[in-house]
PDB file of N, CA and C in Angstrom:
ATOM      1  N   MET A   1     128.384 196.095 222.862  1.00  0.00           N
ATOM      2  CA  MET A   1     129.309 196.893 222.223  1.00  0.00           C
ATOM      3  C   MET A   1     129.471 197.830 223.334  1.00  0.00           C
ATOM      4  N   THR A   2     131.141 198.471 223.551  1.00  0.00           N
ATOM      5  CA  THR A   2     132.049 199.117 223.968  1.00  0.00           C
ATOM      6  C   THR A   2     131.411 200.235 224.019  1.00  0.00           C
ATOM      7  N   THR A   3     131.550 201.533 224.533  1.00  0.00           N
ATOM      8  CA  THR A   3     131.028 202.882 224.666  1.00  0.00           C
ATOM      9  C   THR A   3     131.890 203.350 223.373  1.00  0.00           C
ATOM     10  N   GLY A   4     133.372 203.041 223.944  1.00  0.00           N
ATOM     11  CA  GLY A   4     134.023 203.803 222.425  1.00  0.00           C
ATOM     12  C   GLY A   4     133.938 203.281 221.063  1.00  0.00           C
ATOM     13  N   ALA A   5     133.467 202.110 220.633  1.00  0.00           N
ATOM     14  CA  ALA A   5     132.902 201.526 219.799  1.00  0.00           C
ATOM     15  C   ALA A   5     131.522 202.630 219.561  1.00  0.00           C
ATOM     16  N   LEU A   6     130.722 202.269 220.578  1.00  0.00           N
ATOM     17  CA  LEU A   6     129.657 203.159 220.216  1.00  0.00           C
ATOM     18  C   LEU A   6     129.792 204.713 219.885  1.00  0.00           C
ATOM     19  N   VAL A   7     131.219 205.241 220.404  1.00  0.00           N
ATOM     20  CA  VAL A   7     131.366 206.808 220.554  1.00  0.00           C
ATOM     21  C   VAL A   7     131.789 207.041 218.214  1.00  0.00           C
ATOM     22  N   GLN A   8     132.316 206.167 218.284  1.00  0.00           N
ATOM     23  CA  GLN A   8     132.702 205.994 216.855  1.00  0.00           C
ATOM     24  C   GLN A   8     131.654 205.738 216.002  1.00  0.00           C
ATOM     25  N   GLU A   9     130.791 204.718 216.551  1.00  0.00           N
ATOM     26  CA  GLU A   9     129.672 204.656 215.438  1.00  0.00           C
ATOM     27  C   GLU A   9     128.622 206.384 215.859  1.00  0.00           C
ATOM     28  N   VAL A  10     128.602 206.792 216.770  1.00  0.00           N
ATOM     29  CA  VAL A  10     127.700 207.779 216.641  1.00  0.00           C
ATOM     30  C   VAL A  10     128.148 209.035 216.075  1.00  0.00           C
ATOM     31  N   LYS A  11     129.859 209.103 215.382  1.00  0.00           N
ATOM     32  CA  LYS A  11     130.459 209.780 215.008  1.00  0.00           C
ATOM     33  C   LYS A  11     130.238 209.882 213.463  1.00  0.00           C
ATOM     34  N   ALA A  12     130.274 208.379 212.977  1.00  0.00           N
ATOM     35  CA  ALA A  12     130.197 207.945 211.699  1.00  0.00           C
ATOM     36  C   ALA A  12     128.262 208.286 211.386  1.00  0.00           C
ATOM     37  N   PHE A  13     127.628 208.015 212.057  1.00  0.00           N
ATOM     38  CA  PHE A  13     126.238 208.617 212.177  1.00  0.00           C
ATOM     39  C   PHE A  13     125.848 209.927 211.795  1.00  0.00           C
ATOM     40  N   ILE A  14     126.797 210.923 212.610  1.00  0.00           N
ATOM     41  CA  ILE A  14     126.694 212.087 212.491  1.00  0.00           C
ATOM     42  C   ILE A  14     126.968 213.185 211.064  1.00  0.00           C
ATOM     43  N   ILE A  15     128.294 212.061 210.772  1.00  0.00           N
ATOM     44  CA  ILE A  15     128.697 212.613 209.331  1.00  0.00           C
ATOM     45  C   ILE A  15     127.722 211.629 208.221  1.00  0.00           C
ATOM     46  N   GLU A  16     127.450 211.006 208.352  1.00  0.00           N
ATOM     47  CA  GLU A  16     126.236 210.624 207.675  1.00  0.00           C
ATOM     48  C   GLU A  16     125.078 211.253 207.687  1.00  0.00           C
ATOM     49  N   THR A  17     124.274 210.990 208.560  1.00  0.00           N
ATOM     50  CA  THR A  17     122.959 212.060 208.585  1.00  0.00           C
ATOM     51  C   THR A  17     123.012 213.396 207.878  1.00  0.00           C
ATOM     52  N   LEU A  18     124.293 213.969 208.385  1.00  0.00           N
ATOM     53  CA  LEU A  18     124.451 215.709 208.201  1.00  0.00           C
ATOM     54  C   LEU A  18     125.134 216.171 206.954  1.00  0.00           C
ATOM     55  N   ASP A  19     125.670 214.922 206.047  1.00  0.00           N
ATOM     56  CA  ASP A  19     126.253 214.633 205.328  1.00  0.00           C
ATOM     57  C   ASP A  19     126.971 215.513 205.391  1.00  0.00           C
ATOM     58  N   LEU A  20     128.181 215.110 206.455  1.00  0.00           N
ATOM     59  CA  LEU A  20     129.461 216.465 206.236  1.00  0.00           C
ATOM     60  C   LEU A  20     130.430 216.367 205.385  1.00  0.00           C
ATOM     61  N   GLU A  21     130.632 216.868 204.401  1.00  0.00           N
ATOM     62  CA  GLU A  21     131.727 216.856 203.932  1.00  0.00           C
ATOM     63  C   GLU A  21     133.338 217.013 204.206  1.00  0.00           C
ATOM     64  N   ASP A  22     134.293 216.292 204.007  1.00  0.00           N
ATOM     65  CA  ASP A  22     135.848 216.486 204.097  1.00  0.00           C
ATOM     66  C   ASP A  22     135.729 216.510 205.873  1.00  0.00           C
ATOM     67  N   VAL A  23     134.483 216.129 206.877  1.00  0.00           N
ATOM     68  CA  VAL A  23     134.636 215.333 208.184  1.00  0.00           C
ATOM     69  C   VAL A  23     135.148 213.738 208.197  1.00  0.00           C
ATOM     70  N   ALA A  24     135.999 213.397 209.025  1.00  0.00           N
ATOM     71  CA  ALA A  24     136.322 211.841 208.931  1.00  0.00           C
ATOM     72  C   ALA A  24     135.980 212.087 210.514  1.00  0.00           C
ATOM     73  N   PRO A  25     135.559 210.440 211.576  1.00  0.00           N
ATOM     74  CA  PRO A  25     135.019 210.762 212.635  1.00  0.00           C
ATOM     75  C   PRO A  25     136.276 210.835 213.498  1.00  0.00           C
ATOM     76  N   ALA A  26     137.519 210.307 212.719  1.00  0.00           N
ATOM     77  CA  ALA A  26     138.912 210.761 213.641  1.00  0.00           C
ATOM     78  C   ALA A  26     138.894 212.517 214.269  1.00  0.00           C
ATOM     79  N   ASP A  27     138.389 213.008 213.313  1.00  0.00           N
ATOM     80  CA  ASP A  27     138.110 214.721 212.750  1.00  0.00           C
ATOM     81  C   ASP A  27     137.282 215.207 214.129  1.00  0.00           C
ATOM     82  N   ILE A  28     136.217 214.696 214.485  1.00  0.00           N
ATOM     83  CA  ILE A  28     135.664 214.647 216.031  1.00  0.00           C
ATOM     84  C   ILE A  28     136.030 214.324 217.020  1.00  0.00           C
ATOM     85  N   ASP A  29     136.111 215.513 218.018  1.00  0.00           N
ATOM     86  CA  ASP A  29     136.808 215.143 219.179  1.00  0.00           C
ATOM     87  C   ASP A  29     135.542 214.556 220.126  1.00  0.00           C
ATOM     88  N   ASP A  30     135.879 213.816 221.233  1.00  0.00           N
ATOM     89  CA  ASP A  30     135.244 212.859 221.705  1.00  0.00           C
ATOM     90  C   ASP A  30     134.081 213.722 222.686  1.00  0.00           C
ATOM     91  N   ASP A  31     134.693 214.281 222.944  1.00  0.00           N
ATOM     92  CA  ASP A  31     134.082 215.849 224.210  1.00  0.00           C
ATOM     93  C   ASP A  31     133.914 216.946 223.867  1.00  0.00           C
ATOM     94  N   ALA A  32     134.043 217.297 222.348  1.00  0.00           N
ATOM     95  CA  ALA A  32     133.804 218.518 221.848  1.00  0.00           C
ATOM     96  C   ALA A  32     132.355 218.833 221.732  1.00  0.00           C
ATOM     97  N   PRO A  33     132.082 219.919 222.350  1.00  0.00           N
ATOM     98  CA  PRO A  33     130.778 219.990 221.811  1.00  0.00           C
ATOM     99  C   PRO A  33     130.077 220.159 220.368  1.00  0.00           C
ATOM    100  N   LEU A  34     128.956 219.650 220.294  1.00  0.00           N
ATOM    101  CA  LEU A  34     128.676 219.080 218.934  1.00  0.00           C
ATOM    102  C   LEU A  34     127.934 220.822 218.293  1.00  0.00           C
ATOM    103  N   PHE A  35     127.327 221.723 219.206  1.00  0.00           N
ATOM    104  CA  PHE A  35     127.032 222.646 218.366  1.00  0.00           C
ATOM    105  C   PHE A  35     128.148 224.038 219.120  1.00  0.00           C
ATOM    106  N   GLY A  36     127.730 224.937 218.157  1.00  0.00           N
ATOM    107  CA  GLY A  36     128.564 226.230 218.319  1.00  0.00           C
ATOM    108  C   GLY A  36     130.406 226.124 218.262  1.00  0.00           C
ATOM    109  N   GLU A  37     131.245 226.127 219.113  1.00  0.00           N
ATOM    110  CA  GLU A  37     132.702 226.425 218.962  1.00  0.00           C
ATOM    111  C   GLU A  37     133.264 224.995 218.605  1.00  0.00           C
ATOM    112  N   GLY A  38     132.303 223.537 218.878  1.00  0.00           N
ATOM    113  CA  GLY A  38     132.745 222.493 218.777  1.00  0.00           C
ATOM    114  C   GLY A  38     132.726 222.248 217.010  1.00  0.00           C
ATOM    115  N   LEU A  39     132.041 220.984 216.919  1.00  0.00           N
ATOM    116  CA  LEU A  39     131.811 220.913 215.461  1.00  0.00           C
ATOM    117  C   LEU A  39     131.273 221.885 214.830  1.00  0.00           C
ATOM    118  N   GLY A  40     130.527 222.951 215.328  1.00  0.00           N
ATOM    119  CA  GLY A  40     129.888 223.609 214.584  1.00  0.00           C
ATOM    120  C   GLY A  40     128.407 223.505 214.094  1.00  0.00           C
ATOM    121  N   LEU A  41     127.200 222.277 214.791  1.00  0.00           N
ATOM    122  CA  LEU A  41     126.252 222.276 214.353  1.00  0.00           C
ATOM    123  C   LEU A  41     124.925 223.312 214.662  1.00  0.00           C
ATOM    124  N   ASP A  42     123.775 223.101 213.884  1.00  0.00           N
ATOM    125  CA  ASP A  42     122.646 224.643 214.406  1.00  0.00           C
ATOM    126  C   ASP A  42     121.659 223.835 214.983  1.00  0.00           C
ATOM    127  N   SER A  43     120.578 224.518 214.700  1.00  0.00           N
ATOM    128  CA  SER A  43     119.878 223.992 215.202  1.00  0.00           C
ATOM    129  C   SER A  43     118.787 222.819 214.364  1.00  0.00           C
ATOM    130  N   ILE A  44     118.809 223.472 213.070  1.00  0.00           N
ATOM    131  CA  ILE A  44     118.438 222.714 211.574  1.00  0.00           C
ATOM    132  C   ILE A  44     119.005 221.457 212.235  1.00  0.00           C
ATOM    133  N   ASP A  45     120.129 221.144 212.024  1.00  0.00           N
ATOM    134  CA  ASP A  45     121.555 219.981 212.543  1.00  0.00           C
ATOM    135  C   ASP A  45     120.519 218.931 213.033  1.00  0.00           C
ATOM    136  N   SER A  46     120.233 219.661 214.563  1.00  0.00           N
ATOM    137  CA  SER A  46     119.640 218.989 215.705  1.00  0.00           C
ATOM    138  C   SER A  46     118.355 218.326 215.182  1.00  0.00           C
ATOM    139  N   LEU A  47     117.451 219.096 214.553  1.00  0.00           N
ATOM    140  CA  LEU A  47     116.388 218.093 214.024  1.00  0.00           C
ATOM    141  C   LEU A  47     116.486 217.257 213.296  1.00  0.00           C
ATOM    142  N   GLU A  48     117.519 216.917 212.273  1.00  0.00           N
ATOM    143  CA  GLU A  48     117.741 216.217 211.444  1.00  0.00           C
ATOM    144  C   GLU A  48     118.024 215.034 212.172  1.00  0.00           C
ATOM    145  N   LEU A  49     119.184 215.310 213.000  1.00  0.00           N
ATOM    146  CA  LEU A  49     119.653 214.220 214.411  1.00  0.00           C
ATOM    147  C   LEU A  49     118.292 213.234 215.117  1.00  0.00           C
ATOM    148  N   GLY A  50     118.049 214.333 215.536  1.00  0.00           N
ATOM    149  CA  GLY A  50     116.302 213.826 216.254  1.00  0.00           C
ATOM    150  C   GLY A  50     116.064 213.081 215.847  1.00  0.00           C
ATOM    151  N   VAL A  51     115.505 213.025 214.205  1.00  0.00           N
ATOM    152  CA  VAL A  51     114.671 212.503 213.356  1.00  0.00           C
ATOM    153  C   VAL A  51     115.216 211.195 213.219  1.00  0.00           C
ATOM    154  N   SER A  52     116.426 211.410 212.644  1.00  0.00           N
ATOM    155  CA  SER A  52     117.351 210.042 212.643  1.00  0.00           C
ATOM    156  C   SER A  52     117.853 209.514 213.869  1.00  0.00           C
ATOM    157  N   LEU A  53     117.854 209.617 214.896  1.00  0.00           N
ATOM    158  CA  LEU A  53     117.998 208.999 216.185  1.00  0.00           C
ATOM    159  C   LEU A  53     117.113 207.901 216.621  1.00  0.00           C
ATOM    160  N   GLN A  54     115.641 208.785 216.287  1.00  0.00           N
ATOM    161  CA  GLN A  54     114.362 207.922 216.515  1.00  0.00           C
ATOM    162  C   GLN A  54     114.188 206.471 215.177  1.00  0.00           C
ATOM    163  N   LYS A  55     114.761 206.975 214.307  1.00  0.00           N
ATOM    164  CA  LYS A  55     114.785 205.930 212.836  1.00  0.00           C
ATOM    165  C   LYS A  55     115.431 204.983 213.508  1.00  0.00           C
ATOM    166  N   ARG A  56     116.888 205.233 213.966  1.00  0.00           N
ATOM    167  CA  ARG A  56     117.791 204.362 213.985  1.00  0.00           C
ATOM    168  C   ARG A  56     117.727 203.608 215.172  1.00  0.00           C
ATOM    169  N   TYR A  57     117.575 204.278 216.308  1.00  0.00           N
ATOM    170  CA  TYR A  57     117.711 203.780 217.767  1.00  0.00           C
ATOM    171  C   TYR A  57     116.776 203.801 218.274  1.00  0.00           C
ATOM    172  N   GLY A  58     115.667 204.163 217.530  1.00  0.00           N
ATOM    173  CA  GLY A  58     114.215 204.166 218.583  1.00  0.00           C
ATOM    174  C   GLY A  58     114.148 204.660 219.559  1.00  0.00           C
ATOM    175  N   LEU A  59     115.022 206.359 219.473  1.00  0.00           N
ATOM    176  CA  LEU A  59     115.535 207.158 220.528  1.00  0.00           C
ATOM    177  C   LEU A  59     114.363 207.965 220.407  1.00  0.00           C
ATOM    178  N   LYS A  60     113.277 208.847 221.381  1.00  0.00           N
ATOM    179  CA  LYS A  60     112.604 209.668 221.363  1.00  0.00           C
ATOM    180  C   LYS A  60     113.434 210.879 222.017  1.00  0.00           C
ATOM    181  N   ILE A  61     113.573 212.045 221.325  1.00  0.00           N
ATOM    182  CA  ILE A  61     113.709 213.047 222.139  1.00  0.00           C
ATOM    183  C   ILE A  61     113.468 214.699 222.112  1.00  0.00           C
ATOM    184  N   SER A  62     113.020 214.976 223.312  1.00  0.00           N
ATOM    185  CA  SER A  62     112.351 215.905 223.425  1.00  0.00           C
ATOM    186  C   SER A  62     112.609 217.163 222.938  1.00  0.00           C
ATOM    187  N   THR A  63     112.767 218.205 222.520  1.00  0.00           N
ATOM    188  CA  THR A  63     113.213 219.376 221.727  1.00  0.00           C
ATOM    189  C   THR A  63     112.880 220.179 222.602  1.00  0.00           C
ATOM    190  N   GLU A  64     112.310 220.256 223.840  1.00  0.00           N
ATOM    191  CA  GLU A  64     112.162 221.527 224.437  1.00  0.00           C
ATOM    192  C   GLU A  64     112.512 220.966 225.782  1.00  0.00           C
ATOM    193  N   SER A  65     113.691 220.695 226.192  1.00  0.00           N
ATOM    194  CA  SER A  65     113.987 219.608 227.201  1.00  0.00           C
ATOM    195  C   SER A  65     115.380 220.198 227.310  1.00  0.00           C
ATOM    196  N   GLU A  66     115.831 220.721 228.858  1.00  0.00           N
ATOM    197  CA  GLU A  66     117.322 221.410 229.549  1.00  0.00           C
ATOM    198  C   GLU A  66     118.463 219.752 228.943  1.00  0.00           C
ATOM    199  N   GLU A  67     117.310 218.485 229.020  1.00  0.00           N
ATOM    200  CA  GLU A  67     118.135 217.103 229.467  1.00  0.00           C
ATOM    201  C   GLU A  67     118.529 217.015 227.905  1.00  0.00           C
ATOM    202  N   THR A  68     117.901 217.538 226.740  1.00  0.00           N
ATOM    203  CA  THR A  68     118.520 217.284 225.100  1.00  0.00           C
ATOM    204  C   THR A  68     119.892 218.187 225.277  1.00  0.00           C
ATOM    205  N   ARG A  69     119.809 219.476 225.813  1.00  0.00           N
ATOM    206  CA  ARG A  69     121.135 220.161 225.808  1.00  0.00           C
ATOM    207  C   ARG A  69     122.739 219.114 226.261  1.00  0.00           C
ATOM    208  N   GLN A  70     121.951 218.118 227.198  1.00  0.00           N
ATOM    209  CA  GLN A  70     123.028 217.481 228.071  1.00  0.00           C
ATOM    210  C   GLN A  70     123.644 216.186 227.035  1.00  0.00           C
ATOM    211  N   ILE A  71     122.187 215.988 226.309  1.00  0.00           N
ATOM    212  CA  ILE A  71     122.233 214.892 225.131  1.00  0.00           C
ATOM    213  C   ILE A  71     123.267 215.175 224.365  1.00  0.00           C
ATOM    214  N   PHE A  72     123.206 216.083 223.896  1.00  0.00           N
ATOM    215  CA  PHE A  72     123.783 216.399 222.645  1.00  0.00           C
ATOM    216  C   PHE A  72     125.346 217.472 222.969  1.00  0.00           C
ATOM    217  N   ALA A  73     125.329 217.653 223.811  1.00  0.00           N
ATOM    218  CA  ALA A  73     126.584 217.947 224.372  1.00  0.00           C
ATOM    219  C   ALA A  73     128.098 217.309 223.914  1.00  0.00           C
ATOM    220  N   SER A  74     128.440 216.199 223.281  1.00  0.00           N
ATOM    221  CA  SER A  74     129.297 215.576 222.618  1.00  0.00           C
ATOM    222  C   SER A  74     128.955 214.757 222.094  1.00  0.00           C
ATOM    223  N   THR A  75     129.846 213.811 221.255  1.00  0.00           N
ATOM    224  CA  THR A  75     129.551 212.606 220.804  1.00  0.00           C
ATOM    225  C   THR A  75     129.151 211.981 222.147  1.00  0.00           C
ATOM    226  N   ARG A  76     130.799 211.755 222.930  1.00  0.00           N
ATOM    227  CA  ARG A  76     130.042 210.822 224.094  1.00  0.00           C
ATOM    228  C   ARG A  76     129.213 210.826 225.084  1.00  0.00           C
ATOM    229  N   ALA A  77     128.377 212.163 225.150  1.00  0.00           N
ATOM    230  CA  ALA A  77     127.424 212.364 225.717  1.00  0.00           C
ATOM    231  C   ALA A  77     125.987 211.896 225.086  1.00  0.00           C
ATOM    232  N   LEU A  78     126.518 211.878 223.647  1.00  0.00           N
ATOM    233  CA  LEU A  78     125.196 211.134 222.899  1.00  0.00           C
ATOM    234  C   LEU A  78     125.564 209.766 222.704  1.00  0.00           C
ATOM    235  N   ALA A  79     126.237 208.887 222.614  1.00  0.00           N
ATOM    236  CA  ALA A  79     126.549 207.362 222.646  1.00  0.00           C
ATOM    237  C   ALA A  79     125.980 207.068 224.113  1.00  0.00           C
ATOM    238  N   ASN A  80     126.564 207.279 225.163  1.00  0.00           N
ATOM    239  CA  ASN A  80     125.933 207.003 226.428  1.00  0.00           C
ATOM    240  C   ASN A  80     124.678 207.343 226.415  1.00  0.00           C
ATOM    241  N   PHE A  81     123.674 208.417 226.345  1.00  0.00           N
ATOM    242  CA  PHE A  81     122.799 208.288 225.867  1.00  0.00           C
ATOM    243  C   PHE A  81     121.356 207.303 225.212  1.00  0.00           C
ATOM    244  N   ILE A  82     122.562 206.808 223.935  1.00  0.00           N
ATOM    245  CA  ILE A  82     122.082 205.990 223.037  1.00  0.00           C
ATOM    246  C   ILE A  82     122.173 204.553 223.761  1.00  0.00           C
ATOM    247  N   ALA A  83     123.014 204.301 224.578  1.00  0.00           N
ATOM    248  CA  ALA A  83     123.297 202.816 225.149  1.00  0.00           C
ATOM    249  C   ALA A  83     122.431 203.176 226.267  1.00  0.00           C
ATOM    250  N   ALA A  84     121.843 204.052 227.082  1.00  0.00           N
ATOM    251  CA  ALA A  84     120.975 203.507 228.324  1.00  0.00           C
ATOM    252  C   ALA A  84     119.631 203.499 228.079  1.00  0.00           C
ATOM    253  N   HIS A  85     119.420 204.271 226.657  1.00  0.00           N
ATOM    254  CA  HIS A  85     118.108 204.191 226.499  1.00  0.00           C
ATOM    255  C   HIS A  85     117.665 203.857 224.938  1.00  0.00           C
ATOM    256  N   ARG A  86     118.345 203.040 224.377  1.00  0.00           N
ATOM    257  CA  ARG A  86     118.086 202.475 222.880  1.00  0.00           C
ATOM    258  C   ARG A  86     117.434 201.248 222.923  1.00  0.00           C
ATOM    259  N   THR A  87     116.379 201.021 221.420  1.00  0.00           N
ATOM    260  CA  THR A  87     115.105 200.203 221.861  1.00  0.00           C
ATOM    261  C   THR A  87     115.599 199.110 220.966  1.00  0.00           C
ATOM    262  N   GLN A  88     116.541 199.216 219.780  1.00  0.00           N
ATOM    263  CA  GLN A  88     117.074 198.545 218.806  1.00  0.00           C
ATOM    264  C   GLN A  88     118.290 197.849 219.065  1.00  0.00           C
TER     265      GLN A  88
END
């Protein structure tokens, strides 16, 4: 799978997992922050995403890691992490 295709998959995954209404994958900038001023996700959203990432991709992400901030920096960063670490 190409990085671009995985980024699109991650966008759809975020929308589906968090049940984001009125948001389409095209509305999410590949490099915009997922939290705060970008997509506007919060800590509860990060927990939901973490659980779903483990279920769908077999990934375990530590909640108390500086690396976690980098992983969830943007959809592109998350897609790169998935590509490098997924087991399914």
